[in-house]
Amino acid sequence: MTLIALLAETARAMVGMPSYAAYRRHMAERHPETAPMDEVAFFRDRQQARYGGKGGGRCC
C-alpha cells in the first residue's frame, strides 16, 4: 500500500467512512460463498447503519 493510499484510508477511518477494500477482503476471506455488495450498495448500507432511516439525519 502506498503512503498516499494509507493516508487516505486513515483519513476515511477518522471520519467514520468504512473501507470498501477492507470489506471486500473480509467477504473473500470469511464469506466466500456470498456475493459482496457493489460499492454503491456498500456505501448506502454503511450510511443507513450510521444515520438510521428516520429521515432528516441526526442533530447531535
PDB file of N, CA and C in Angstrom:
ATOM      1  N   MET A   1       0.853  -1.174   0.000  1.00  0.00           N
ATOM      2  CA  MET A   1       0.000   0.000   0.000  1.00  0.00           C
ATOM      3  C   MET A   1       0.896   1.234   0.000  1.00  0.00           C
ATOM      4  N   THR A   2       0.588   2.164  -0.869  1.00  0.00           N
ATOM      5  CA  THR A   2       1.395   3.378  -0.947  1.00  0.00           C
ATOM      6  C   THR A   2       1.083   4.290   0.232  1.00  0.00           C
ATOM      7  N   LEU A   3       1.969   5.220   0.471  1.00  0.00           N
ATOM      8  CA  LEU A   3       1.778   6.171   1.571  1.00  0.00           C
ATOM      9  C   LEU A   3       0.503   6.978   1.371  1.00  0.00           C
ATOM     10  N   ILE A   4       0.238   7.396   0.153  1.00  0.00           N
ATOM     11  CA  ILE A   4      -0.976   8.186  -0.114  1.00  0.00           C
ATOM     12  C   ILE A   4      -2.225   7.350   0.135  1.00  0.00           C
ATOM     13  N   ALA A   5      -2.226   6.100  -0.302  1.00  0.00           N
ATOM     14  CA  ALA A   5      -3.375   5.227  -0.067  1.00  0.00           C
ATOM     15  C   ALA A   5      -3.577   4.993   1.429  1.00  0.00           C
ATOM     16  N   LEU A   6      -2.483   4.819   2.154  1.00  0.00           N
ATOM     17  CA  LEU A   6      -2.568   4.625   3.598  1.00  0.00           C
ATOM     18  C   LEU A   6      -3.115   5.872   4.287  1.00  0.00           C
ATOM     19  N   LEU A   7      -2.645   7.046   3.870  1.00  0.00           N
ATOM     20  CA  LEU A   7      -3.152   8.292   4.452  1.00  0.00           C
ATOM     21  C   LEU A   7      -4.636   8.486   4.135  1.00  0.00           C
ATOM     22  N   ALA A   8      -5.039   8.170   2.920  1.00  0.00           N
ATOM     23  CA  ALA A   8      -6.445   8.300   2.544  1.00  0.00           C
ATOM     24  C   ALA A   8      -7.317   7.351   3.355  1.00  0.00           C
ATOM     25  N   GLU A   9      -6.871   6.111   3.520  1.00  0.00           N
ATOM     26  CA  GLU A   9      -7.630   5.142   4.310  1.00  0.00           C
ATOM     27  C   GLU A   9      -7.714   5.583   5.768  1.00  0.00           C
ATOM     28  N   THR A  10      -6.624   6.118   6.306  1.00  0.00           N
ATOM     29  CA  THR A  10      -6.617   6.614   7.680  1.00  0.00           C
ATOM     30  C   THR A  10      -7.583   7.783   7.837  1.00  0.00           C
ATOM     31  N   ALA A  11      -7.584   8.705   6.884  1.00  0.00           N
ATOM     32  CA  ALA A  11      -8.491   9.857   6.941  1.00  0.00           C
ATOM     33  C   ALA A  11      -9.943   9.402   6.889  1.00  0.00           C
ATOM     34  N   ARG A  12     -10.245   8.443   6.019  1.00  0.00           N
ATOM     35  CA  ARG A  12     -11.622   7.932   5.944  1.00  0.00           C
ATOM     36  C   ARG A  12     -12.026   7.265   7.254  1.00  0.00           C
ATOM     37  N   ALA A  13     -11.126   6.517   7.862  1.00  0.00           N
ATOM     38  CA  ALA A  13     -11.428   5.863   9.136  1.00  0.00           C
ATOM     39  C   ALA A  13     -11.666   6.893  10.234  1.00  0.00           C
ATOM     40  N   MET A  14     -10.924   7.989  10.198  1.00  0.00           N
ATOM     41  CA  MET A  14     -11.069   9.019  11.226  1.00  0.00           C
ATOM     42  C   MET A  14     -12.437   9.694  11.184  1.00  0.00           C
ATOM     43  N   VAL A  15     -13.030   9.792   9.996  1.00  0.00           N
ATOM     44  CA  VAL A  15     -14.340  10.422   9.888  1.00  0.00           C
ATOM     45  C   VAL A  15     -15.470   9.397   9.843  1.00  0.00           C
ATOM     46  N   GLY A  16     -15.132   8.139  10.075  1.00  0.00           N
ATOM     47  CA  GLY A  16     -16.150   7.099  10.150  1.00  0.00           C
ATOM     48  C   GLY A  16     -16.585   6.517   8.827  1.00  0.00           C
ATOM     49  N   MET A  17     -15.802   6.704   7.791  1.00  0.00           N
ATOM     50  CA  MET A  17     -16.131   6.141   6.484  1.00  0.00           C
ATOM     51  C   MET A  17     -15.409   4.803   6.335  1.00  0.00           C
ATOM     52  N   PRO A  18     -16.148   3.706   6.317  1.00  0.00           N
ATOM     53  CA  PRO A  18     -15.502   2.394   6.245  1.00  0.00           C
ATOM     54  C   PRO A  18     -14.848   2.144   4.888  1.00  0.00           C
ATOM     55  N   SER A  19     -13.900   1.237   4.876  1.00  0.00           N
ATOM     56  CA  SER A  19     -13.135   0.915   3.679  1.00  0.00           C
ATOM     57  C   SER A  19     -13.823  -0.178   2.862  1.00  0.00           C
ATOM     58  N   TYR A  20     -14.135   0.147   1.609  1.00  0.00           N
ATOM     59  CA  TYR A  20     -14.733  -0.847   0.723  1.00  0.00           C
ATOM     60  C   TYR A  20     -13.738  -1.969   0.435  1.00  0.00           C
ATOM     61  N   ALA A  21     -12.464  -1.621   0.298  1.00  0.00           N
ATOM     62  CA  ALA A  21     -11.436  -2.644   0.044  1.00  0.00           C
ATOM     63  C   ALA A  21     -11.342  -3.615   1.221  1.00  0.00           C
ATOM     64  N   ALA A  22     -11.412  -3.095   2.439  1.00  0.00           N
ATOM     65  CA  ALA A  22     -11.372  -3.974   3.621  1.00  0.00           C
ATOM     66  C   ALA A  22     -12.605  -4.872   3.663  1.00  0.00           C
ATOM     67  N   TYR A  23     -13.748  -4.312   3.296  1.00  0.00           N
ATOM     68  CA  TYR A  23     -14.982  -5.102   3.227  1.00  0.00           C
ATOM     69  C   TYR A  23     -14.847  -6.232   2.216  1.00  0.00           C
ATOM     70  N   ARG A  24     -14.292  -5.924   1.036  1.00  0.00           N
ATOM     71  CA  ARG A  24     -14.113  -6.951   0.004  1.00  0.00           C
ATOM     72  C   ARG A  24     -13.156  -8.047   0.480  1.00  0.00           C
ATOM     73  N   ARG A  25     -12.054  -7.660   1.156  1.00  0.00           N
ATOM     74  CA  ARG A  25     -11.119  -8.659   1.693  1.00  0.00           C
ATOM     75  C   ARG A  25     -11.820  -9.543   2.717  1.00  0.00           C
ATOM     76  N   HIS A  26     -12.595  -8.923   3.606  1.00  0.00           N
ATOM     77  CA  HIS A  26     -13.317  -9.685   4.632  1.00  0.00           C
ATOM     78  C   HIS A  26     -14.285 -10.677   3.986  1.00  0.00           C
ATOM     79  N   MET A  27     -15.046 -10.222   3.003  1.00  0.00           N
ATOM     80  CA  MET A  27     -16.011 -11.108   2.347  1.00  0.00           C
ATOM     81  C   MET A  27     -15.308 -12.271   1.657  1.00  0.00           C
ATOM     82  N   ALA A  28     -14.188 -11.999   1.000  1.00  0.00           N
ATOM     83  CA  ALA A  28     -13.457 -13.064   0.306  1.00  0.00           C
ATOM     84  C   ALA A  28     -12.885 -14.084   1.282  1.00  0.00           C
ATOM     85  N   GLU A  29     -12.405 -13.599   2.428  1.00  0.00           N
ATOM     86  CA  GLU A  29     -11.780 -14.494   3.398  1.00  0.00           C
ATOM     87  C   GLU A  29     -12.795 -15.243   4.268  1.00  0.00           C
ATOM     88  N   ARG A  30     -13.817 -14.541   4.709  1.00  0.00           N
ATOM     89  CA  ARG A  30     -14.741 -15.121   5.695  1.00  0.00           C
ATOM     90  C   ARG A  30     -16.059 -15.615   5.121  1.00  0.00           C
ATOM     91  N   HIS A  31     -16.492 -15.063   3.992  1.00  0.00           N
ATOM     92  CA  HIS A  31     -17.788 -15.412   3.415  1.00  0.00           C
ATOM     93  C   HIS A  31     -17.681 -15.603   1.904  1.00  0.00           C
ATOM     94  N   PRO A  32     -16.805 -16.512   1.449  1.00  0.00           N
ATOM     95  CA  PRO A  32     -16.587 -16.662   0.002  1.00  0.00           C
ATOM     96  C   PRO A  32     -17.831 -17.135  -0.757  1.00  0.00           C
ATOM     97  N   GLU A  33     -18.774 -17.729  -0.069  1.00  0.00           N
ATOM     98  CA  GLU A  33     -19.982 -18.220  -0.721  1.00  0.00           C
ATOM     99  C   GLU A  33     -21.009 -17.117  -0.973  1.00  0.00           C
ATOM    100  N   THR A  34     -20.806 -15.950  -0.389  1.00  0.00           N
ATOM    101  CA  THR A  34     -21.747 -14.836  -0.503  1.00  0.00           C
ATOM    102  C   THR A  34     -21.178 -13.759  -1.425  1.00  0.00           C
ATOM    103  N   ALA A  35     -21.986 -13.311  -2.362  1.00  0.00           N
ATOM    104  CA  ALA A  35     -21.549 -12.236  -3.264  1.00  0.00           C
ATOM    105  C   ALA A  35     -21.503 -10.920  -2.483  1.00  0.00           C
ATOM    106  N   PRO A  36     -20.397 -10.195  -2.569  1.00  0.00           N
ATOM    107  CA  PRO A  36     -20.312  -8.916  -1.858  1.00  0.00           C
ATOM    108  C   PRO A  36     -21.165  -7.848  -2.532  1.00  0.00           C
ATOM    109  N   MET A  37     -21.547  -6.844  -1.755  1.00  0.00           N
ATOM    110  CA  MET A  37     -22.287  -5.705  -2.297  1.00  0.00           C
ATOM    111  C   MET A  37     -21.371  -4.921  -3.232  1.00  0.00           C
ATOM    112  N   ASP A  38     -21.967  -4.239  -4.205  1.00  0.00           N
ATOM    113  CA  ASP A  38     -21.145  -3.343  -5.018  1.00  0.00           C
ATOM    114  C   ASP A  38     -20.844  -2.104  -4.178  1.00  0.00           C
ATOM    115  N   GLU A  39     -19.984  -1.243  -4.678  1.00  0.00           N
ATOM    116  CA  GLU A  39     -19.506  -0.106  -3.879  1.00  0.00           C
ATOM    117  C   GLU A  39     -20.632   0.862  -3.502  1.00  0.00           C
ATOM    118  N   VAL A  40     -21.573   1.082  -4.402  1.00  0.00           N
ATOM    119  CA  VAL A  40     -22.687   1.990  -4.103  1.00  0.00           C
ATOM    120  C   VAL A  40     -23.579   1.398  -3.016  1.00  0.00           C
ATOM    121  N   ALA A  41     -23.911   0.121  -3.139  1.00  0.00           N
ATOM    122  CA  ALA A  41     -24.746  -0.537  -2.130  1.00  0.00           C
ATOM    123  C   ALA A  41     -24.038  -0.569  -0.781  1.00  0.00           C
ATOM    124  N   PHE A  42     -22.717  -0.801  -0.786  1.00  0.00           N
ATOM    125  CA  PHE A  42     -21.939  -0.803   0.449  1.00  0.00           C
ATOM    126  C   PHE A  42     -22.003   0.557   1.125  1.00  0.00           C
ATOM    127  N   PHE A  43     -21.812   1.636   0.351  1.00  0.00           N
ATOM    128  CA  PHE A  43     -21.862   2.980   0.906  1.00  0.00           C
ATOM    129  C   PHE A  43     -23.234   3.265   1.510  1.00  0.00           C
ATOM    130  N   ARG A  44     -24.294   2.926   0.785  1.00  0.00           N
ATOM    131  CA  ARG A  44     -25.652   3.161   1.292  1.00  0.00           C
ATOM    132  C   ARG A  44     -25.927   2.346   2.544  1.00  0.00           C
ATOM    133  N   ASP A  45     -25.467   1.103   2.574  1.00  0.00           N
ATOM    134  CA  ASP A  45     -25.657   0.251   3.749  1.00  0.00           C
ATOM    135  C   ASP A  45     -24.963   0.838   4.974  1.00  0.00           C
ATOM    136  N   ARG A  46     -23.725   1.272   4.813  1.00  0.00           N
ATOM    137  CA  ARG A  46     -22.972   1.856   5.932  1.00  0.00           C
ATOM    138  C   ARG A  46     -23.573   3.187   6.357  1.00  0.00           C
ATOM    139  N   GLN A  47     -24.063   3.972   5.401  1.00  0.00           N
ATOM    140  CA  GLN A  47     -24.710   5.240   5.720  1.00  0.00           C
ATOM    141  C   GLN A  47     -26.003   4.988   6.506  1.00  0.00           C
ATOM    142  N   GLN A  48     -26.771   4.003   6.090  1.00  0.00           N
ATOM    143  CA  GLN A  48     -28.005   3.632   6.786  1.00  0.00           C
ATOM    144  C   GLN A  48     -27.697   3.149   8.203  1.00  0.00           C
ATOM    145  N   ALA A  49     -26.667   2.337   8.343  1.00  0.00           N
ATOM    146  CA  ALA A  49     -26.289   1.828   9.656  1.00  0.00           C
ATOM    147  C   ALA A  49     -25.840   2.955  10.581  1.00  0.00           C
ATOM    148  N   ARG A  50     -25.167   3.949  10.016  1.00  0.00           N
ATOM    149  CA  ARG A  50     -24.657   5.043  10.841  1.00  0.00           C
ATOM    150  C   ARG A  50     -25.725   6.065  11.209  1.00  0.00           C
ATOM    151  N   TYR A  51     -26.559   6.438  10.244  1.00  0.00           N
ATOM    152  CA  TYR A  51     -27.500   7.531  10.465  1.00  0.00           C
ATOM    153  C   TYR A  51     -28.948   7.097  10.640  1.00  0.00           C
ATOM    154  N   GLY A  52     -29.248   5.832  10.352  1.00  0.00           N
ATOM    155  CA  GLY A  52     -30.611   5.348  10.510  1.00  0.00           C
ATOM    156  C   GLY A  52     -31.511   5.757   9.364  1.00  0.00           C
ATOM    157  N   GLY A  53     -32.721   5.280   9.400  1.00  0.00           N
ATOM    158  CA  GLY A  53     -33.643   5.514   8.303  1.00  0.00           C
ATOM    159  C   GLY A  53     -34.805   6.412   8.647  1.00  0.00           C
ATOM    160  N   LYS A  54     -34.702   7.213   9.686  1.00  0.00           N
ATOM    161  CA  LYS A  54     -35.814   8.055  10.109  1.00  0.00           C
ATOM    162  C   LYS A  54     -35.943   9.308   9.255  1.00  0.00           C
ATOM    163  N   GLY A  55     -34.968   9.584   8.430  1.00  0.00           N
ATOM    164  CA  GLY A  55     -35.006  10.794   7.600  1.00  0.00           C
ATOM    165  C   GLY A  55     -34.537  11.996   8.403  1.00  0.00           C
ATOM    166  N   GLY A  56     -33.986  12.940   7.716  1.00  0.00           N
ATOM    167  CA  GLY A  56     -33.566  14.152   8.387  1.00  0.00           C
ATOM    168  C   GLY A  56     -32.220  14.070   9.086  1.00  0.00           C
ATOM    169  N   GLY A  57     -31.657  12.895   9.223  1.00  0.00           N
ATOM    170  CA  GLY A  57     -30.348  12.750   9.877  1.00  0.00           C
ATOM    171  C   GLY A  57     -30.399  12.973  11.378  1.00  0.00           C
ATOM    172  N   ARG A  58     -29.255  13.019  11.960  1.00  0.00           N
ATOM    173  CA  ARG A  58     -29.144  13.233  13.412  1.00  0.00           C
ATOM    174  C   ARG A  58     -28.839  14.694  13.675  1.00  0.00           C
ATOM    175  N   CYS A  59     -29.276  15.177  14.796  1.00  0.00           N
ATOM    176  CA  CYS A  59     -28.999  16.571  15.124  1.00  0.00           C
ATOM    177  C   CYS A  59     -27.728  16.715  15.959  1.00  0.00           C
ATOM    178  N   CYS A  60     -27.319  15.665  16.622  1.00  0.00           N
ATOM    179  CA  CYS A  60     -26.160  15.772  17.530  1.00  0.00           C
ATOM    180  C   CYS A  60     -25.122  14.707  17.236  1.00  0.00           C
TER     181      CYS A  60
END
